[in-house]
């Protein structure tokens, strides 16, 4: 099973576009180093953003993040 990123509606106004991109990549199963390489930042920067993302979405795990984004219809399971 793979996850597919959906369009990015205004459902998550508390996340910046950069945070949303990171959240989607993480929810798709990418590791922090993979996300960092893909968007051109350091692993620590990804970790910093994830801390903020988790707080904004009231989650504390990658699986909860994926579930939250799926519930907002930002991810679709294939």
PDB file of N, CA and C in Angstrom:
ATOM      1  N   UNK A   1       0.832  -1.176   0.000  1.00  0.00           N
ATOM      2  CA  UNK A   1       0.000   0.000   0.000  1.00  0.00           C
ATOM      3  C   UNK A   1       0.881   1.244   0.000  1.00  0.00           C
ATOM      4  N   UNK A   2       0.521   2.216  -0.803  1.00  0.00           N
ATOM      5  CA  UNK A   2       1.257   3.469  -0.871  1.00  0.00           C
ATOM      6  C   UNK A   2       0.308   4.611  -0.563  1.00  0.00           C
ATOM      7  N   UNK A   3       0.886   5.667  -0.075  1.00  0.00           N
ATOM      8  CA  UNK A   3       0.104   6.866   0.172  1.00  0.00           C
ATOM      9  C   UNK A   3       0.342   7.839  -0.956  1.00  0.00           C
ATOM     10  N   UNK A   4      -0.669   8.577  -1.298  1.00  0.00           N
ATOM     11  CA  UNK A   4      -0.570   9.541  -2.368  1.00  0.00           C
ATOM     12  C   UNK A   4      -0.937  10.907  -1.811  1.00  0.00           C
ATOM     13  N   UNK A   5      -0.102  11.903  -2.070  1.00  0.00           N
ATOM     14  CA  UNK A   5      -0.409  13.259  -1.614  1.00  0.00           C
ATOM     15  C   UNK A   5      -1.576  13.804  -2.419  1.00  0.00           C
ATOM     16  N   UNK A   6      -2.508  14.390  -1.724  1.00  0.00           N
ATOM     17  CA  UNK A   6      -3.665  15.000  -2.370  1.00  0.00           C
ATOM     18  C   UNK A   6      -3.361  16.480  -2.570  1.00  0.00           C
ATOM     19  N   UNK A   7      -4.304  17.196  -3.147  1.00  0.00           N
ATOM     20  CA  UNK A   7      -4.140  18.638  -3.270  1.00  0.00           C
ATOM     21  C   UNK A   7      -4.058  19.238  -1.869  1.00  0.00           C
ATOM     22  N   UNK A   8      -3.494  20.399  -1.780  1.00  0.00           N
ATOM     23  CA  UNK A   8      -3.260  21.012  -0.481  1.00  0.00           C
ATOM     24  C   UNK A   8      -4.292  22.109  -0.227  1.00  0.00           C
ATOM     25  N   UNK A   9      -5.466  21.745   0.252  1.00  0.00           N
ATOM     26  CA  UNK A   9      -6.489  22.751   0.517  1.00  0.00           C
ATOM     27  C   UNK A   9      -6.123  23.613   1.714  1.00  0.00           C
ATOM     28  N   UNK A  10      -6.936  24.594   1.976  1.00  0.00           N
ATOM     29  CA  UNK A  10      -6.697  25.502   3.087  1.00  0.00           C
ATOM     30  C   UNK A  10      -7.178  24.904   4.401  1.00  0.00           C
ATOM     31  N   UNK A  11      -7.201  23.577   4.505  1.00  0.00           N
ATOM     32  CA  UNK A  11      -7.711  22.887   5.682  1.00  0.00           C
ATOM     33  C   UNK A  11      -6.757  23.034   6.861  1.00  0.00           C
ATOM     34  N   UNK A  12      -5.485  23.274   6.593  1.00  0.00           N
ATOM     35  CA  UNK A  12      -4.479  23.330   7.649  1.00  0.00           C
ATOM     36  C   UNK A  12      -3.869  24.731   7.681  1.00  0.00           C
ATOM     37  N   UNK A  13      -4.665  25.743   8.018  1.00  0.00           N
ATOM     38  CA  UNK A  13      -4.140  27.104   7.986  1.00  0.00           C
ATOM     39  C   UNK A  13      -3.026  27.352   8.995  1.00  0.00           C
ATOM     40  N   UNK A  14      -2.935  26.518  10.027  1.00  0.00           N
ATOM     41  CA  UNK A  14      -1.902  26.734  11.033  1.00  0.00           C
ATOM     42  C   UNK A  14      -0.521  26.279  10.562  1.00  0.00           C
ATOM     43  N   UNK A  15      -0.457  25.459   9.512  1.00  0.00           N
ATOM     44  CA  UNK A  15       0.830  25.013   8.984  1.00  0.00           C
ATOM     45  C   UNK A  15       1.249  25.918   7.830  1.00  0.00           C
ATOM     46  N   UNK A  16       2.518  26.307   7.851  1.00  0.00           N
ATOM     47  CA  UNK A  16       3.048  27.072   6.723  1.00  0.00           C
ATOM     48  C   UNK A  16       3.167  26.129   5.526  1.00  0.00           C
ATOM     49  N   UNK A  17       3.286  26.656   4.316  1.00  0.00           N
ATOM     50  CA  UNK A  17       3.472  25.784   3.150  1.00  0.00           C
ATOM     51  C   UNK A  17       4.699  24.872   3.313  1.00  0.00           C
ATOM     52  N   UNK A  18       5.767  25.397   3.908  1.00  0.00           N
ATOM     53  CA  UNK A  18       6.987  24.612   4.133  1.00  0.00           C
ATOM     54  C   UNK A  18       6.716  23.482   5.129  1.00  0.00           C
ATOM     55  N   UNK A  19       6.017  23.798   6.217  1.00  0.00           N
ATOM     56  CA  UNK A  19       5.672  22.772   7.207  1.00  0.00           C
ATOM     57  C   UNK A  19       4.761  21.714   6.600  1.00  0.00           C
ATOM     58  N   UNK A  20       3.817  22.138   5.778  1.00  0.00           N
ATOM     59  CA  UNK A  20       2.907  21.180   5.149  1.00  0.00           C
ATOM     60  C   UNK A  20       3.672  20.237   4.234  1.00  0.00           C
ATOM     61  N   UNK A  21       4.620  20.769   3.478  1.00  0.00           N
ATOM     62  CA  UNK A  21       5.432  19.916   2.597  1.00  0.00           C
ATOM     63  C   UNK A  21       6.197  18.878   3.413  1.00  0.00           C
ATOM     64  N   UNK A  22       6.820  19.309   4.506  1.00  0.00           N
ATOM     65  CA  UNK A  22       7.556  18.392   5.378  1.00  0.00           C
ATOM     66  C   UNK A  22       6.609  17.362   5.971  1.00  0.00           C
ATOM     67  N   UNK A  23       5.458  17.811   6.457  1.00  0.00           N
ATOM     68  CA  UNK A  23       4.483  16.895   7.057  1.00  0.00           C
ATOM     69  C   UNK A  23       4.045  15.830   6.062  1.00  0.00           C
ATOM     70  N   UNK A  24       3.780  16.226   4.827  1.00  0.00           N
ATOM     71  CA  UNK A  24       3.350  15.264   3.810  1.00  0.00           C
ATOM     72  C   UNK A  24       4.450  14.257   3.495  1.00  0.00           C
ATOM     73  N   UNK A  25       5.682  14.722   3.379  1.00  0.00           N
ATOM     74  CA  UNK A  25       6.795  13.809   3.094  1.00  0.00           C
ATOM     75  C   UNK A  25       6.986  12.811   4.228  1.00  0.00           C
ATOM     76  N   UNK A  26       6.914  13.291   5.463  1.00  0.00           N
ATOM     77  CA  UNK A  26       7.050  12.409   6.621  1.00  0.00           C
ATOM     78  C   UNK A  26       5.898  11.411   6.653  1.00  0.00           C
ATOM     79  N   UNK A  27       4.692  11.894   6.418  1.00  0.00           N
ATOM     80  CA  UNK A  27       3.518  11.021   6.441  1.00  0.00           C
ATOM     81  C   UNK A  27       3.566   9.980   5.326  1.00  0.00           C
ATOM     82  N   UNK A  28       4.265  10.287   4.244  1.00  0.00           N
ATOM     83  CA  UNK A  28       4.428   9.334   3.144  1.00  0.00           C
ATOM     84  C   UNK A  28       5.481   8.283   3.459  1.00  0.00           C
ATOM     85  N   UNK A  29       6.158   8.435   4.597  1.00  0.00           N
ATOM     86  CA  UNK A  29       7.105   7.421   5.021  1.00  0.00           C
ATOM     87  C   UNK A  29       8.569   7.769   4.860  1.00  0.00           C
ATOM     88  N   UNK A  30       8.862   8.990   4.457  1.00  0.00           N
ATOM     89  CA  UNK A  30      10.258   9.398   4.295  1.00  0.00           C
ATOM     90  C   UNK A  30      10.899   9.663   5.656  1.00  0.00           C
ATOM     91  N   UNK A  31      12.168   9.304   5.783  1.00  0.00           N
ATOM     92  CA  UNK A  31      12.916   9.565   7.018  1.00  0.00           C
ATOM     93  C   UNK A  31      13.311  11.042   7.063  1.00  0.00           C
ATOM     94  N   UNK A  32      13.717  11.500   8.233  1.00  0.00           N
ATOM     95  CA  UNK A  32      14.161  12.890   8.362  1.00  0.00           C
ATOM     96  C   UNK A  32      15.312  13.209   7.413  1.00  0.00           C
ATOM     97  N   UNK A  33      16.352  12.351   7.311  1.00  0.00           N
ATOM     98  CA  UNK A  33      17.423  12.646   6.356  1.00  0.00           C
ATOM     99  C   UNK A  33      16.933  12.681   4.903  1.00  0.00           C
ATOM    100  N   UNK A  34      15.981  11.820   4.559  1.00  0.00           N
ATOM    101  CA  UNK A  34      15.429  11.828   3.197  1.00  0.00           C
ATOM    102  C   UNK A  34      14.667  13.124   2.930  1.00  0.00           C
ATOM    103  N   UNK A  35      13.879  13.556   3.896  1.00  0.00           N
ATOM    104  CA  UNK A  35      13.136  14.813   3.752  1.00  0.00           C
ATOM    105  C   UNK A  35      14.122  15.965   3.612  1.00  0.00           C
ATOM    106  N   UNK A  36      15.138  15.979   4.458  1.00  0.00           N
ATOM    107  CA  UNK A  36      16.145  17.043   4.420  1.00  0.00           C
ATOM    108  C   UNK A  36      16.807  17.126   3.049  1.00  0.00           C
ATOM    109  N   UNK A  37      17.206  15.985   2.512  1.00  0.00           N
ATOM    110  CA  UNK A  37      17.859  15.967   1.202  1.00  0.00           C
ATOM    111  C   UNK A  37      16.903  16.435   0.106  1.00  0.00           C
ATOM    112  N   UNK A  38      15.662  16.042   0.209  1.00  0.00           N
ATOM    113  CA  UNK A  38      14.685  16.376  -0.824  1.00  0.00           C
ATOM    114  C   UNK A  38      14.367  17.869  -0.867  1.00  0.00           C
ATOM    115  N   UNK A  39      14.341  18.514   0.301  1.00  0.00           N
ATOM    116  CA  UNK A  39      13.978  19.939   0.303  1.00  0.00           C
ATOM    117  C   UNK A  39      15.177  20.867   0.515  1.00  0.00           C
ATOM    118  N   UNK A  40      16.366  20.296   0.689  1.00  0.00           N
ATOM    119  CA  UNK A  40      17.580  21.103   0.762  1.00  0.00           C
ATOM    120  C   UNK A  40      17.834  21.791   2.090  1.00  0.00           C
ATOM    121  N   UNK A  41      17.520  21.091   3.186  1.00  0.00           N
ATOM    122  CA  UNK A  41      17.811  21.614   4.523  1.00  0.00           C
ATOM    123  C   UNK A  41      18.529  20.528   5.313  1.00  0.00           C
ATOM    124  N   UNK A  42      18.924  20.837   6.538  1.00  0.00           N
ATOM    125  CA  UNK A  42      19.585  19.834   7.369  1.00  0.00           C
ATOM    126  C   UNK A  42      18.548  18.959   8.079  1.00  0.00           C
ATOM    127  N   UNK A  43      19.007  17.825   8.549  1.00  0.00           N
ATOM    128  CA  UNK A  43      18.150  16.914   9.320  1.00  0.00           C
ATOM    129  C   UNK A  43      17.620  17.622  10.558  1.00  0.00           C
ATOM    130  N   UNK A  44      18.463  18.429  11.190  1.00  0.00           N
ATOM    131  CA  UNK A  44      18.047  19.155  12.403  1.00  0.00           C
ATOM    132  C   UNK A  44      16.935  20.162  12.087  1.00  0.00           C
ATOM    133  N   UNK A  45      16.994  20.768  10.923  1.00  0.00           N
ATOM    134  CA  UNK A  45      15.931  21.692  10.521  1.00  0.00           C
ATOM    135  C   UNK A  45      14.615  20.944  10.360  1.00  0.00           C
ATOM    136  N   UNK A  46      14.672  19.762   9.769  1.00  0.00           N
ATOM    137  CA  UNK A  46      13.466  18.935   9.635  1.00  0.00           C
ATOM    138  C   UNK A  46      12.928  18.595  11.020  1.00  0.00           C
ATOM    139  N   UNK A  47      13.810  18.200  11.927  1.00  0.00           N
ATOM    140  CA  UNK A  47      13.387  17.868  13.296  1.00  0.00           C
ATOM    141  C   UNK A  47      12.733  19.073  13.976  1.00  0.00           C
ATOM    142  N   UNK A  48      13.303  20.257  13.779  1.00  0.00           N
ATOM    143  CA  UNK A  48      12.737  21.481  14.352  1.00  0.00           C
ATOM    144  C   UNK A  48      11.322  21.709  13.822  1.00  0.00           C
ATOM    145  N   UNK A  49      11.173  21.601  12.502  1.00  0.00           N
ATOM    146  CA  UNK A  49       9.850  21.798  11.903  1.00  0.00           C
ATOM    147  C   UNK A  49       8.865  20.734  12.376  1.00  0.00           C
ATOM    148  N   UNK A  50       9.317  19.495  12.505  1.00  0.00           N
ATOM    149  CA  UNK A  50       8.421  18.432  12.976  1.00  0.00           C
ATOM    150  C   UNK A  50       7.923  18.713  14.391  1.00  0.00           C
ATOM    151  N   UNK A  51       8.792  19.239  15.235  1.00  0.00           N
ATOM    152  CA  UNK A  51       8.371  19.602  16.590  1.00  0.00           C
ATOM    153  C   UNK A  51       7.221  20.603  16.528  1.00  0.00           C
ATOM    154  N   UNK A  52       7.355  21.605  15.670  1.00  0.00           N
ATOM    155  CA  UNK A  52       6.297  22.608  15.515  1.00  0.00           C
ATOM    156  C   UNK A  52       5.033  22.008  14.899  1.00  0.00           C
ATOM    157  N   UNK A  53       5.211  21.158  13.900  1.00  0.00           N
ATOM    158  CA  UNK A  53       4.072  20.515  13.233  1.00  0.00           C
ATOM    159  C   UNK A  53       3.300  19.655  14.223  1.00  0.00           C
ATOM    160  N   UNK A  54       4.025  18.848  14.981  1.00  0.00           N
ATOM    161  CA  UNK A  54       3.369  17.985  15.974  1.00  0.00           C
ATOM    162  C   UNK A  54       2.562  18.822  16.970  1.00  0.00           C
ATOM    163  N   UNK A  55       3.142  19.928  17.430  1.00  0.00           N
ATOM    164  CA  UNK A  55       2.439  20.784  18.395  1.00  0.00           C
ATOM    165  C   UNK A  55       1.184  21.392  17.771  1.00  0.00           C
ATOM    166  N   UNK A  56       1.306  21.876  16.552  1.00  0.00           N
ATOM    167  CA  UNK A  56       0.165  22.509  15.890  1.00  0.00           C
ATOM    168  C   UNK A  56      -0.971  21.527  15.623  1.00  0.00           C
ATOM    169  N   UNK A  57      -0.624  20.268  15.337  1.00  0.00           N
ATOM    170  CA  UNK A  57      -1.652  19.268  15.020  1.00  0.00           C
ATOM    171  C   UNK A  57      -1.997  18.388  16.220  1.00  0.00           C
ATOM    172  N   UNK A  58      -1.388  18.671  17.359  1.00  0.00           N
ATOM    173  CA  UNK A  58      -1.633  17.909  18.599  1.00  0.00           C
ATOM    174  C   UNK A  58      -1.372  16.414  18.419  1.00  0.00           C
ATOM    175  N   UNK A  59      -0.230  16.099  17.818  1.00  0.00           N
ATOM    176  CA  UNK A  59       0.207  14.711  17.658  1.00  0.00           C
ATOM    177  C   UNK A  59       1.617  14.587  18.206  1.00  0.00           C
ATOM    178  N   UNK A  60       2.065  13.356  18.434  1.00  0.00           N
ATOM    179  CA  UNK A  60       3.439  13.187  18.907  1.00  0.00           C
ATOM    180  C   UNK A  60       4.169  12.041  18.222  1.00  0.00           C
ATOM    181  N   UNK A  61       3.596  11.505  17.161  1.00  0.00           N
ATOM    182  CA  UNK A  61       4.244  10.422  16.410  1.00  0.00           C
ATOM    183  C   UNK A  61       3.981  10.594  14.915  1.00  0.00           C
ATOM    184  N   UNK A  62       4.872  10.013  14.127  1.00  0.00           N
ATOM    185  CA  UNK A  62       4.721  10.051  12.678  1.00  0.00           C
ATOM    186  C   UNK A  62       3.413   9.385  12.240  1.00  0.00           C
ATOM    187  N   UNK A  63       3.062   8.284  12.890  1.00  0.00           N
ATOM    188  CA  UNK A  63       1.830   7.591  12.512  1.00  0.00           C
ATOM    189  C   UNK A  63       0.608   8.456  12.803  1.00  0.00           C
ATOM    190  N   UNK A  64       0.642   9.177  13.916  1.00  0.00           N
ATOM    191  CA  UNK A  64      -0.470  10.079  14.234  1.00  0.00           C
ATOM    192  C   UNK A  64      -0.530  11.232  13.233  1.00  0.00           C
ATOM    193  N   UNK A  65       0.633  11.692  12.798  1.00  0.00           N
ATOM    194  CA  UNK A  65       0.689  12.746  11.789  1.00  0.00           C
ATOM    195  C   UNK A  65       0.038  12.263  10.499  1.00  0.00           C
ATOM    196  N   UNK A  66       0.399  11.061  10.059  1.00  0.00           N
ATOM    197  CA  UNK A  66      -0.186  10.503   8.837  1.00  0.00           C
ATOM    198  C   UNK A  66      -1.696  10.363   8.976  1.00  0.00           C
ATOM    199  N   UNK A  67      -2.135   9.894  10.125  1.00  0.00           N
ATOM    200  CA  UNK A  67      -3.573   9.729  10.364  1.00  0.00           C
ATOM    201  C   UNK A  67      -4.282  11.085  10.347  1.00  0.00           C
ATOM    202  N   UNK A  68      -3.670  12.092  10.969  1.00  0.00           N
ATOM    203  CA  UNK A  68      -4.265  13.432  10.993  1.00  0.00           C
ATOM    204  C   UNK A  68      -4.375  14.004   9.582  1.00  0.00           C
ATOM    205  N   UNK A  69      -3.324  13.867   8.791  1.00  0.00           N
ATOM    206  CA  UNK A  69      -3.354  14.388   7.423  1.00  0.00           C
ATOM    207  C   UNK A  69      -4.353  13.626   6.564  1.00  0.00           C
ATOM    208  N   UNK A  70      -4.448  12.326   6.796  1.00  0.00           N
ATOM    209  CA  UNK A  70      -5.427  11.517   6.075  1.00  0.00           C
ATOM    210  C   UNK A  70      -6.843  11.960   6.440  1.00  0.00           C
ATOM    211  N   UNK A  71      -7.065  12.221   7.722  1.00  0.00           N
ATOM    212  CA  UNK A  71      -8.369  12.684   8.174  1.00  0.00           C
ATOM    213  C   UNK A  71      -8.741  14.040   7.607  1.00  0.00           C
ATOM    214  N   UNK A  72      -7.719  14.838   7.270  1.00  0.00           N
ATOM    215  CA  UNK A  72      -7.957  16.148   6.655  1.00  0.00           C
ATOM    216  C   UNK A  72      -8.022  16.038   5.137  1.00  0.00           C
ATOM    217  N   UNK A  73      -7.958  14.796   4.655  1.00  0.00           N
ATOM    218  CA  UNK A  73      -8.007  14.489   3.228  1.00  0.00           C
ATOM    219  C   UNK A  73      -6.803  15.055   2.475  1.00  0.00           C
ATOM    220  N   UNK A  74      -5.659  15.114   3.154  1.00  0.00           N
ATOM    221  CA  UNK A  74      -4.418  15.539   2.517  1.00  0.00           C
ATOM    222  C   UNK A  74      -3.605  14.347   2.036  1.00  0.00           C
ATOM    223  N   UNK A  75      -3.950  13.163   2.499  1.00  0.00           N
ATOM    224  CA  UNK A  75      -3.318  11.922   2.051  1.00  0.00           C
ATOM    225  C   UNK A  75      -4.419  10.962   1.649  1.00  0.00           C
ATOM    226  N   UNK A  76      -4.112  10.141   0.672  1.00  0.00           N
ATOM    227  CA  UNK A  76      -5.062   9.115   0.250  1.00  0.00           C
ATOM    228  C   UNK A  76      -4.314   7.799   0.158  1.00  0.00           C
ATOM    229  N   UNK A  77      -4.885   6.756   0.714  1.00  0.00           N
ATOM    230  CA  UNK A  77      -4.274   5.427   0.640  1.00  0.00           C
ATOM    231  C   UNK A  77      -4.631   4.799  -0.688  1.00  0.00           C
ATOM    232  N   UNK A  78      -3.619   4.250  -1.377  1.00  0.00           N
ATOM    233  CA  UNK A  78      -3.866   3.553  -2.645  1.00  0.00           C
ATOM    234  C   UNK A  78      -4.028   2.085  -2.393  1.00  0.00           C
TER     235      UNK A  78
END
